[in-house]
PDB file of N, CA and C in Angstrom:
ATOM      1  N   UNK A   1     -14.946  -4.074   9.638  1.00  0.00           N
ATOM      2  CA  UNK A   1     -13.589  -4.519  10.091  1.00  0.00           C
ATOM      3  C   UNK A   1     -12.955  -3.260  10.697  1.00  0.00           C
ATOM      4  N   UNK A   2     -12.309  -3.561  12.015  1.00  0.00           N
ATOM      5  CA  UNK A   2     -11.618  -2.502  12.772  1.00  0.00           C
ATOM      6  C   UNK A   2     -10.354  -2.103  12.112  1.00  0.00           C
ATOM      7  N   UNK A   3     -10.254  -0.739  12.327  1.00  0.00           N
ATOM      8  CA  UNK A   3      -9.083  -0.176  11.823  1.00  0.00           C
ATOM      9  C   UNK A   3      -7.915  -0.710  12.084  1.00  0.00           C
ATOM     10  N   UNK A   4      -7.080  -1.176  11.125  1.00  0.00           N
ATOM     11  CA  UNK A   4      -5.811  -1.925  11.103  1.00  0.00           C
ATOM     12  C   UNK A   4      -4.734  -1.171  12.029  1.00  0.00           C
ATOM     13  N   UNK A   5      -4.713   0.188  12.058  1.00  0.00           N
ATOM     14  CA  UNK A   5      -3.805   1.062  12.668  1.00  0.00           C
ATOM     15  C   UNK A   5      -4.085   1.291  14.295  1.00  0.00           C
ATOM     16  N   UNK A   6      -5.357   1.046  14.549  1.00  0.00           N
ATOM     17  CA  UNK A   6      -5.953   1.070  16.108  1.00  0.00           C
ATOM     18  C   UNK A   6      -5.311   0.013  17.045  1.00  0.00           C
ATOM     19  N   UNK A   7      -4.557   0.357  17.759  1.00  0.00           N
ATOM     20  CA  UNK A   7      -3.993  -0.463  18.700  1.00  0.00           C
ATOM     21  C   UNK A   7      -2.685  -1.142  18.052  1.00  0.00           C
ATOM     22  N   UNK A   8      -2.039  -0.470  17.045  1.00  0.00           N
ATOM     23  CA  UNK A   8      -0.881  -1.190  16.389  1.00  0.00           C
ATOM     24  C   UNK A   8       0.009   0.096  16.109  1.00  0.00           C
ATOM     25  N   UNK A   9       0.911   0.388  17.203  1.00  0.00           N
ATOM     26  CA  UNK A   9       1.625   1.570  16.825  1.00  0.00           C
ATOM     27  C   UNK A   9       2.664   1.596  15.757  1.00  0.00           C
ATOM     28  N   UNK A  10       3.241   0.250  15.439  1.00  0.00           N
ATOM     29  CA  UNK A  10       4.199   0.219  14.356  1.00  0.00           C
ATOM     30  C   UNK A  10       3.467   0.516  13.064  1.00  0.00           C
ATOM     31  N   UNK A  11       2.101   0.003  12.751  1.00  0.00           N
ATOM     32  CA  UNK A  11       1.308   0.294  11.702  1.00  0.00           C
ATOM     33  C   UNK A  11       1.011   1.729  11.588  1.00  0.00           C
ATOM     34  N   UNK A  12       0.605   2.338  12.671  1.00  0.00           N
ATOM     35  CA  UNK A  12       0.048   3.827  12.717  1.00  0.00           C
ATOM     36  C   UNK A  12       1.350   4.603  12.237  1.00  0.00           C
ATOM     37  N   UNK A  13       2.711   4.408  12.821  1.00  0.00           N
ATOM     38  CA  UNK A  13       3.671   5.273  12.432  1.00  0.00           C
ATOM     39  C   UNK A  13       4.078   5.096  11.003  1.00  0.00           C
ATOM     40  N   UNK A  14       4.037   3.840  10.588  1.00  0.00           N
ATOM     41  CA  UNK A  14       4.271   3.669   9.166  1.00  0.00           C
ATOM     42  C   UNK A  14       3.372   4.321   8.289  1.00  0.00           C
ATOM     43  N   UNK A  15       1.988   4.246   8.472  1.00  0.00           N
ATOM     44  CA  UNK A  15       1.106   4.979   7.886  1.00  0.00           C
ATOM     45  C   UNK A  15       1.237   6.431   7.851  1.00  0.00           C
ATOM     46  N   UNK A  16       1.583   7.156   8.911  1.00  0.00           N
ATOM     47  CA  UNK A  16       1.841   8.492   9.041  1.00  0.00           C
ATOM     48  C   UNK A  16       3.098   8.895   8.186  1.00  0.00           C
ATOM     49  N   UNK A  17       4.087   8.040   8.229  1.00  0.00           N
ATOM     50  CA  UNK A  17       5.424   8.413   7.499  1.00  0.00           C
ATOM     51  C   UNK A  17       5.160   8.398   6.033  1.00  0.00           C
ATOM     52  N   UNK A  18       4.519   7.306   5.453  1.00  0.00           N
ATOM     53  CA  UNK A  18       4.042   7.151   4.112  1.00  0.00           C
ATOM     54  C   UNK A  18       3.314   8.403   3.667  1.00  0.00           C
ATOM     55  N   UNK A  19       2.187   8.678   4.508  1.00  0.00           N
ATOM     56  CA  UNK A  19       1.283   9.766   4.103  1.00  0.00           C
ATOM     57  C   UNK A  19       2.065  11.086   3.846  1.00  0.00           C
ATOM     58  N   UNK A  20       2.975  11.317   4.869  1.00  0.00           N
ATOM     59  CA  UNK A  20       3.776  12.405   4.492  1.00  0.00           C
ATOM     60  C   UNK A  20       4.470  12.487   3.382  1.00  0.00           C
ATOM     61  N   UNK A  21       5.229  11.308   2.902  1.00  0.00           N
ATOM     62  CA  UNK A  21       5.946  11.181   1.784  1.00  0.00           C
ATOM     63  C   UNK A  21       5.125  11.332   0.409  1.00  0.00           C
ATOM     64  N   UNK A  22       4.005  10.781   0.552  1.00  0.00           N
ATOM     65  CA  UNK A  22       3.184  10.765  -0.656  1.00  0.00           C
ATOM     66  C   UNK A  22       1.974  11.726  -0.642  1.00  0.00           C
ATOM     67  N   UNK A  23       2.099  12.840   0.075  1.00  0.00           N
ATOM     68  CA  UNK A  23       1.061  13.867   0.272  1.00  0.00           C
ATOM     69  C   UNK A  23       0.693  14.446  -1.088  1.00  0.00           C
ATOM     70  N   UNK A  24      -0.738  14.280  -1.319  1.00  0.00           N
ATOM     71  CA  UNK A  24      -1.280  14.924  -2.499  1.00  0.00           C
ATOM     72  C   UNK A  24      -1.360  13.751  -3.755  1.00  0.00           C
ATOM     73  N   UNK A  25      -0.574  12.670  -3.372  1.00  0.00           N
ATOM     74  CA  UNK A  25      -0.701  11.624  -4.487  1.00  0.00           C
ATOM     75  C   UNK A  25      -1.712  10.450  -4.114  1.00  0.00           C
ATOM     76  N   UNK A  26      -2.129   9.800  -5.108  1.00  0.00           N
ATOM     77  CA  UNK A  26      -2.982   8.487  -4.798  1.00  0.00           C
ATOM     78  C   UNK A  26      -2.003   7.300  -4.759  1.00  0.00           C
ATOM     79  N   UNK A  27      -1.897   6.611  -3.714  1.00  0.00           N
ATOM     80  CA  UNK A  27      -1.125   5.605  -3.582  1.00  0.00           C
ATOM     81  C   UNK A  27      -1.648   4.384  -2.736  1.00  0.00           C
ATOM     82  N   UNK A  28      -1.115   3.138  -2.767  1.00  0.00           N
ATOM     83  CA  UNK A  28      -1.511   1.863  -2.024  1.00  0.00           C
ATOM     84  C   UNK A  28      -0.167   1.175  -1.529  1.00  0.00           C
ATOM     85  N   UNK A  29      -0.421   0.399  -0.550  1.00  0.00           N
ATOM     86  CA  UNK A  29       0.658  -0.484  -0.069  1.00  0.00           C
ATOM     87  C   UNK A  29       0.450  -1.787  -0.844  1.00  0.00           C
ATOM     88  N   UNK A  30       1.647  -2.285  -1.085  1.00  0.00           N
ATOM     89  CA  UNK A  30       1.785  -3.523  -1.619  1.00  0.00           C
ATOM     90  C   UNK A  30       2.658  -4.532  -0.891  1.00  0.00           C
ATOM     91  N   UNK A  31       2.493  -5.828  -0.989  1.00  0.00           N
ATOM     92  CA  UNK A  31       3.577  -6.817  -0.466  1.00  0.00           C
ATOM     93  C   UNK A  31       4.457  -7.134  -1.411  1.00  0.00           C
ATOM     94  N   UNK A  32       5.732  -7.089  -1.208  1.00  0.00           N
ATOM     95  CA  UNK A  32       6.798  -7.355  -2.448  1.00  0.00           C
ATOM     96  C   UNK A  32       7.899  -8.401  -1.737  1.00  0.00           C
ATOM     97  N   UNK A  33       8.621  -9.005  -2.488  1.00  0.00           N
ATOM     98  CA  UNK A  33       9.639  -9.962  -2.299  1.00  0.00           C
ATOM     99  C   UNK A  33      10.680  -9.253  -1.859  1.00  0.00           C
ATOM    100  N   UNK A  34      11.458  -9.611  -0.688  1.00  0.00           N
ATOM    101  CA  UNK A  34      12.677  -8.874  -0.362  1.00  0.00           C
ATOM    102  C   UNK A  34      13.742  -9.913  -0.056  1.00  0.00           C
ATOM    103  N   UNK A  35      14.959  -9.430   0.093  1.00  0.00           N
ATOM    104  CA  UNK A  35      15.984 -10.231   0.441  1.00  0.00           C
ATOM    105  C   UNK A  35      15.704 -10.926   1.821  1.00  0.00           C
ATOM    106  N   UNK A  36      15.492 -12.281   1.735  1.00  0.00           N
ATOM    107  CA  UNK A  36      15.231 -13.133   2.887  1.00  0.00           C
ATOM    108  C   UNK A  36      13.935 -12.958   3.516  1.00  0.00           C
ATOM    109  N   UNK A  37      12.890 -12.516   2.720  1.00  0.00           N
ATOM    110  CA  UNK A  37      11.398 -12.610   3.157  1.00  0.00           C
ATOM    111  C   UNK A  37      10.601 -11.584   2.187  1.00  0.00           C
ATOM    112  N   UNK A  38       9.902 -10.962   2.964  1.00  0.00           N
ATOM    113  CA  UNK A  38       8.940  -9.990   2.418  1.00  0.00           C
ATOM    114  C   UNK A  38       9.038  -8.511   3.063  1.00  0.00           C
ATOM    115  N   UNK A  39       8.479  -7.562   2.370  1.00  0.00           N
ATOM    116  CA  UNK A  39       8.364  -6.370   2.969  1.00  0.00           C
ATOM    117  C   UNK A  39       7.214  -5.607   2.228  1.00  0.00           C
ATOM    118  N   UNK A  40       7.000  -4.536   2.835  1.00  0.00           N
ATOM    119  CA  UNK A  40       5.962  -3.548   2.087  1.00  0.00           C
ATOM    120  C   UNK A  40       6.478  -2.700   1.067  1.00  0.00           C
ATOM    121  N   UNK A  41       5.746  -2.217   0.255  1.00  0.00           N
ATOM    122  CA  UNK A  41       6.181  -1.217  -0.798  1.00  0.00           C
ATOM    123  C   UNK A  41       5.027  -0.251  -0.937  1.00  0.00           C
ATOM    124  N   UNK A  42       5.362   0.840  -1.746  1.00  0.00           N
ATOM    125  CA  UNK A  42       4.366   1.927  -2.055  1.00  0.00           C
ATOM    126  C   UNK A  42       4.310   2.154  -3.503  1.00  0.00           C
ATOM    127  N   UNK A  43       2.996   1.794  -3.930  1.00  0.00           N
ATOM    128  CA  UNK A  43       2.747   2.176  -5.391  1.00  0.00           C
ATOM    129  C   UNK A  43       2.013   3.415  -5.559  1.00  0.00           C
ATOM    130  N   UNK A  44       2.447   4.412  -6.247  1.00  0.00           N
ATOM    131  CA  UNK A  44       1.898   5.738  -6.459  1.00  0.00           C
ATOM    132  C   UNK A  44       1.278   5.562  -7.808  1.00  0.00           C
ATOM    133  N   UNK A  45       0.011   5.826  -7.867  1.00  0.00           N
ATOM    134  CA  UNK A  45      -0.835   5.889  -9.115  1.00  0.00           C
ATOM    135  C   UNK A  45      -0.321   6.619 -10.350  1.00  0.00           C
ATOM    136  N   UNK A  46      -0.308   5.959 -11.403  1.00  0.00           N
ATOM    137  CA  UNK A  46       0.409   6.452 -12.706  1.00  0.00           C
ATOM    138  C   UNK A  46       1.735   6.825 -12.643  1.00  0.00           C
ATOM    139  N   UNK A  47       2.602   6.371 -11.636  1.00  0.00           N
ATOM    140  CA  UNK A  47       4.119   6.460 -11.580  1.00  0.00           C
ATOM    141  C   UNK A  47       4.738   5.041 -11.676  1.00  0.00           C
ATOM    142  N   UNK A  48       5.773   4.932 -12.438  1.00  0.00           N
ATOM    143  CA  UNK A  48       6.394   3.683 -12.784  1.00  0.00           C
ATOM    144  C   UNK A  48       7.011   3.064 -11.383  1.00  0.00           C
ATOM    145  N   UNK A  49       6.535   1.548 -11.160  1.00  0.00           N
ATOM    146  CA  UNK A  49       7.275   0.937 -10.358  1.00  0.00           C
ATOM    147  C   UNK A  49       6.611   1.096  -8.704  1.00  0.00           C
ATOM    148  N   UNK A  50       7.514   0.801  -7.922  1.00  0.00           N
ATOM    149  CA  UNK A  50       7.058   1.032  -6.496  1.00  0.00           C
ATOM    150  C   UNK A  50       8.275   1.376  -5.718  1.00  0.00           C
ATOM    151  N   UNK A  51       8.179   2.014  -4.417  1.00  0.00           N
ATOM    152  CA  UNK A  51       9.072   2.217  -3.632  1.00  0.00           C
ATOM    153  C   UNK A  51       9.031   1.326  -2.499  1.00  0.00           C
ATOM    154  N   UNK A  52      10.072   0.373  -2.031  1.00  0.00           N
ATOM    155  CA  UNK A  52      10.142  -0.444  -1.055  1.00  0.00           C
ATOM    156  C   UNK A  52      10.123   0.488   0.276  1.00  0.00           C
ATOM    157  N   UNK A  53       9.573  -0.199   1.386  1.00  0.00           N
ATOM    158  CA  UNK A  53       9.696   0.483   2.624  1.00  0.00           C
ATOM    159  C   UNK A  53      10.413  -0.253   3.374  1.00  0.00           C
ATOM    160  N   UNK A  54      11.787   0.335   3.826  1.00  0.00           N
ATOM    161  CA  UNK A  54      12.777  -0.177   4.604  1.00  0.00           C
ATOM    162  C   UNK A  54      12.504  -0.426   6.001  1.00  0.00           C
ATOM    163  N   UNK A  55      13.063  -1.492   6.677  1.00  0.00           N
ATOM    164  CA  UNK A  55      12.832  -1.629   8.021  1.00  0.00           C
ATOM    165  C   UNK A  55      11.959  -2.716   8.609  1.00  0.00           C
ATOM    166  N   UNK A  56      10.664  -2.651   7.924  1.00  0.00           N
ATOM    167  CA  UNK A  56       9.736  -3.646   8.385  1.00  0.00           C
ATOM    168  C   UNK A  56       9.644  -4.900   7.352  1.00  0.00           C
ATOM    169  N   UNK A  57      10.187  -6.163   7.926  1.00  0.00           N
ATOM    170  CA  UNK A  57      10.087  -7.203   7.022  1.00  0.00           C
ATOM    171  C   UNK A  57       9.168  -8.354   7.664  1.00  0.00           C
ATOM    172  N   UNK A  58       8.888  -9.129   6.866  1.00  0.00           N
ATOM    173  CA  UNK A  58       7.925 -10.291   7.119  1.00  0.00           C
ATOM    174  C   UNK A  58       8.398 -11.713   6.918  1.00  0.00           C
ATOM    175  N   UNK A  59       8.169 -12.789   7.513  1.00  0.00           N
ATOM    176  CA  UNK A  59       8.497 -14.023   7.293  1.00  0.00           C
ATOM    177  C   UNK A  59       7.895 -14.625   6.076  1.00  0.00           C
ATOM    178  N   UNK A  60       6.526 -14.185   5.959  1.00  0.00           N
ATOM    179  CA  UNK A  60       5.787 -14.929   4.689  1.00  0.00           C
ATOM    180  C   UNK A  60       5.181 -13.882   4.021  1.00  0.00           C
ATOM    181  N   UNK A  61       4.483 -14.383   2.970  1.00  0.00           N
ATOM    182  CA  UNK A  61       3.644 -13.424   1.925  1.00  0.00           C
ATOM    183  C   UNK A  61       2.310 -13.133   2.685  1.00  0.00           C
ATOM    184  N   UNK A  62       1.695 -14.135   3.246  1.00  0.00           N
ATOM    185  CA  UNK A  62       0.458 -14.028   4.028  1.00  0.00           C
ATOM    186  C   UNK A  62       0.479 -12.691   4.914  1.00  0.00           C
ATOM    187  N   UNK A  63       1.463 -12.778   5.601  1.00  0.00           N
ATOM    188  CA  UNK A  63       1.594 -11.484   6.780  1.00  0.00           C
ATOM    189  C   UNK A  63       1.698 -10.325   5.965  1.00  0.00           C
ATOM    190  N   UNK A  64       2.595 -10.220   5.072  1.00  0.00           N
ATOM    191  CA  UNK A  64       2.921  -8.937   4.326  1.00  0.00           C
ATOM    192  C   UNK A  64       1.560  -8.379   3.696  1.00  0.00           C
ATOM    193  N   UNK A  65       0.933  -9.371   3.012  1.00  0.00           N
ATOM    194  CA  UNK A  65      -0.381  -8.971   2.458  1.00  0.00           C
ATOM    195  C   UNK A  65      -1.468  -8.477   3.367  1.00  0.00           C
ATOM    196  N   UNK A  66      -1.487  -9.185   4.545  1.00  0.00           N
ATOM    197  CA  UNK A  66      -2.374  -8.624   5.588  1.00  0.00           C
ATOM    198  C   UNK A  66      -2.161  -7.162   5.948  1.00  0.00           C
ATOM    199  N   UNK A  67      -0.826  -6.845   6.058  1.00  0.00           N
ATOM    200  CA  UNK A  67      -0.362  -5.543   6.462  1.00  0.00           C
ATOM    201  C   UNK A  67      -0.834  -4.588   5.258  1.00  0.00           C
ATOM    202  N   UNK A  68      -0.588  -5.035   4.070  1.00  0.00           N
ATOM    203  CA  UNK A  68      -0.877  -4.190   2.948  1.00  0.00           C
ATOM    204  C   UNK A  68      -2.257  -3.853   2.775  1.00  0.00           C
ATOM    205  N   UNK A  69      -3.060  -4.952   3.017  1.00  0.00           N
ATOM    206  CA  UNK A  69      -4.598  -4.766   2.869  1.00  0.00           C
ATOM    207  C   UNK A  69      -5.089  -3.942   4.161  1.00  0.00           C
ATOM    208  N   UNK A  70      -4.579  -4.266   5.219  1.00  0.00           N
ATOM    209  CA  UNK A  70      -5.025  -3.369   6.469  1.00  0.00           C
ATOM    210  C   UNK A  70      -4.677  -1.922   6.280  1.00  0.00           C
ATOM    211  N   UNK A  71      -3.477  -1.744   5.880  1.00  0.00           N
ATOM    212  CA  UNK A  71      -3.104  -0.272   5.494  1.00  0.00           C
ATOM    213  C   UNK A  71      -3.997   0.368   4.434  1.00  0.00           C
ATOM    214  N   UNK A  72      -4.162  -0.450   3.420  1.00  0.00           N
ATOM    215  CA  UNK A  72      -5.034   0.040   2.379  1.00  0.00           C
ATOM    216  C   UNK A  72      -6.451   0.426   2.703  1.00  0.00           C
ATOM    217  N   UNK A  73      -7.121  -0.465   3.486  1.00  0.00           N
ATOM    218  CA  UNK A  73      -8.390  -0.150   4.085  1.00  0.00           C
ATOM    219  C   UNK A  73      -8.394   1.086   4.974  1.00  0.00           C
ATOM    220  N   UNK A  74      -7.342   1.184   5.617  1.00  0.00           N
ATOM    221  CA  UNK A  74      -7.156   2.434   6.628  1.00  0.00           C
ATOM    222  C   UNK A  74      -7.234   3.682   5.789  1.00  0.00           C
ATOM    223  N   UNK A  75      -6.712   3.801   4.513  1.00  0.00           N
ATOM    224  CA  UNK A  75      -6.423   4.904   3.786  1.00  0.00           C
ATOM    225  C   UNK A  75      -7.672   4.947   2.780  1.00  0.00           C
ATOM    226  N   UNK A  76      -8.623   4.094   3.015  1.00  0.00           N
ATOM    227  CA  UNK A  76      -9.937   4.135   2.165  1.00  0.00           C
ATOM    228  C   UNK A  76      -9.937   3.304   0.914  1.00  0.00           C
ATOM    229  N   UNK A  77      -8.846   2.539   0.539  1.00  0.00           N
ATOM    230  CA  UNK A  77      -8.950   1.707  -0.543  1.00  0.00           C
ATOM    231  C   UNK A  77      -9.633   0.491  -0.393  1.00  0.00           C
ATOM    232  N   UNK A  78     -10.309   0.042  -1.610  1.00  0.00           N
ATOM    233  CA  UNK A  78     -10.842  -1.229  -1.547  1.00  0.00           C
ATOM    234  C   UNK A  78      -9.735  -2.175  -2.216  1.00  0.00           C
ATOM    235  N   UNK A  79      -9.860  -3.476  -2.213  1.00  0.00           N
ATOM    236  CA  UNK A  79      -8.850  -4.384  -2.978  1.00  0.00           C
ATOM    237  C   UNK A  79      -8.808  -3.954  -4.448  1.00  0.00           C
ATOM    238  N   UNK A  80     -10.067  -3.669  -5.078  1.00  0.00           N
ATOM    239  CA  UNK A  80     -10.183  -3.352  -6.402  1.00  0.00           C
ATOM    240  C   UNK A  80      -9.486  -2.033  -6.684  1.00  0.00           C
ATOM    241  N   UNK A  81      -9.495  -1.046  -5.910  1.00  0.00           N
ATOM    242  CA  UNK A  81      -8.868   0.164  -6.081  1.00  0.00           C
ATOM    243  C   UNK A  81      -7.206  -0.034  -6.071  1.00  0.00           C
ATOM    244  N   UNK A  82      -6.763  -0.758  -5.040  1.00  0.00           N
ATOM    245  CA  UNK A  82      -5.334  -1.177  -4.826  1.00  0.00           C
ATOM    246  C   UNK A  82      -4.798  -1.644  -6.184  1.00  0.00           C
ATOM    247  N   UNK A  83      -5.534  -2.723  -6.641  1.00  0.00           N
ATOM    248  CA  UNK A  83      -5.121  -3.342  -7.859  1.00  0.00           C
ATOM    249  C   UNK A  83      -5.069  -2.378  -8.936  1.00  0.00           C
ATOM    250  N   UNK A  84      -6.124  -1.403  -9.256  1.00  0.00           N
ATOM    251  CA  UNK A  84      -6.009  -0.438 -10.303  1.00  0.00           C
ATOM    252  C   UNK A  84      -4.780   0.361 -10.235  1.00  0.00           C
ATOM    253  N   UNK A  85      -4.419   0.702  -9.036  1.00  0.00           N
ATOM    254  CA  UNK A  85      -3.382   1.439  -8.630  1.00  0.00           C
ATOM    255  C   UNK A  85      -2.154   0.959  -9.158  1.00  0.00           C
ATOM    256  N   UNK A  86      -1.870  -0.283  -8.765  1.00  0.00           N
ATOM    257  CA  UNK A  86      -0.788  -1.264  -9.098  1.00  0.00           C
ATOM    258  C   UNK A  86      -0.533  -1.338 -10.628  1.00  0.00           C
ATOM    259  N   UNK A  87      -1.681  -1.678 -11.226  1.00  0.00           N
ATOM    260  CA  UNK A  87      -1.623  -1.710 -12.626  1.00  0.00           C
ATOM    261  C   UNK A  87      -1.357  -0.486 -13.328  1.00  0.00           C
ATOM    262  N   UNK A  88      -1.656   0.646 -12.869  1.00  0.00           N
ATOM    263  CA  UNK A  88      -1.179   1.903 -13.514  1.00  0.00           C
ATOM    264  C   UNK A  88       0.406   2.082 -13.274  1.00  0.00           C
ATOM    265  N   UNK A  89       0.954   1.395 -12.360  1.00  0.00           N
ATOM    266  CA  UNK A  89       2.474   1.634 -12.216  1.00  0.00           C
ATOM    267  C   UNK A  89       3.298   0.762 -13.169  1.00  0.00           C
ATOM    268  N   UNK A  90       2.487   0.000 -13.910  1.00  0.00           N
ATOM    269  CA  UNK A  90       3.057  -1.016 -14.856  1.00  0.00           C
ATOM    270  C   UNK A  90       3.018  -0.820 -16.144  1.00  0.00           C
ATOM    271  N   UNK A  91       2.612   0.695 -16.412  1.00  0.00           N
ATOM    272  CA  UNK A  91       2.243   1.054 -17.879  1.00  0.00           C
ATOM    273  C   UNK A  91       1.119   0.714 -18.487  1.00  0.00           C
ATOM    274  N   UNK A  92       0.059   0.066 -17.512  1.00  0.00           N
ATOM    275  CA  UNK A  92      -1.092  -0.319 -17.935  1.00  0.00           C
ATOM    276  C   UNK A  92      -2.140   0.690 -18.130  1.00  0.00           C
ATOM    277  N   UNK A  93      -3.264   0.632 -17.682  1.00  0.00           N
ATOM    278  CA  UNK A  93      -4.449   1.680 -17.814  1.00  0.00           C
ATOM    279  C   UNK A  93      -4.078   2.499 -16.551  1.00  0.00           C
ATOM    280  N   UNK A  94      -4.201   3.965 -17.015  1.00  0.00           N
ATOM    281  CA  UNK A  94      -4.053   4.780 -15.945  1.00  0.00           C
ATOM    282  C   UNK A  94      -5.090   4.810 -15.019  1.00  0.00           C
ATOM    283  N   UNK A  95      -4.838   5.125 -13.700  1.00  0.00           N
ATOM    284  CA  UNK A  95      -5.633   5.141 -12.659  1.00  0.00           C
ATOM    285  C   UNK A  95      -6.505   6.441 -12.384  1.00  0.00           C
ATOM    286  N   UNK A  96      -7.791   6.369 -12.482  1.00  0.00           N
ATOM    287  CA  UNK A  96      -8.571   7.407 -12.068  1.00  0.00           C
ATOM    288  C   UNK A  96      -9.564   7.079 -10.987  1.00  0.00           C
ATOM    289  N   UNK A  97     -10.036   7.898 -10.045  1.00  0.00           N
ATOM    290  CA  UNK A  97     -10.789   7.464  -8.969  1.00  0.00           C
ATOM    291  C   UNK A  97     -12.213   7.366  -9.620  1.00  0.00           C
ATOM    292  N   UNK A  98     -12.729   6.130  -9.359  1.00  0.00           N
ATOM    293  CA  UNK A  98     -14.256   6.074 -10.004  1.00  0.00           C
ATOM    294  C   UNK A  98     -15.290   6.794  -9.344  1.00  0.00           C
ATOM    295  N   UNK A  99     -16.127   7.510 -10.057  1.00  0.00           N
ATOM    296  CA  UNK A  99     -17.059   8.455  -9.434  1.00  0.00           C
ATOM    297  C   UNK A  99     -18.357   7.488  -8.995  1.00  0.00           C
ATOM    298  N   UNK A 100     -18.689   7.984  -7.938  1.00  0.00           N
ATOM    299  CA  UNK A 100     -20.042   7.231  -7.411  1.00  0.00           C
ATOM    300  C   UNK A 100     -21.196   7.887  -7.865  1.00  0.00           C
ATOM    301  N   UNK A 101     -22.341   7.463  -8.388  1.00  0.00           N
ATOM    302  CA  UNK A 101     -23.290   8.079  -8.811  1.00  0.00           C
ATOM    303  C   UNK A 101     -24.343   8.483  -7.621  1.00  0.00           C
TER     304      UNK A 101
END
């Protein structure tokens, strides 16, 4: 699959902004309900909750999820890894990067 940020300046800028804010942390993008629609949020592994990303909104969940998935793939996360990060923000099982044998 092609890189989501390639040819999408808005996504590339958003990725860089979040990368700077979460430097040194493991995080993923999530689609969240917002006033009047949907937006993206950032979930940091083993930290409670998520931080909404202001400014970019979506009319529907499908579009917001597509952006979250594309950005997560860009930063090297599979869907499974993103789910594990989100679960760790809910007081569930702590997130640890799986080792590849």
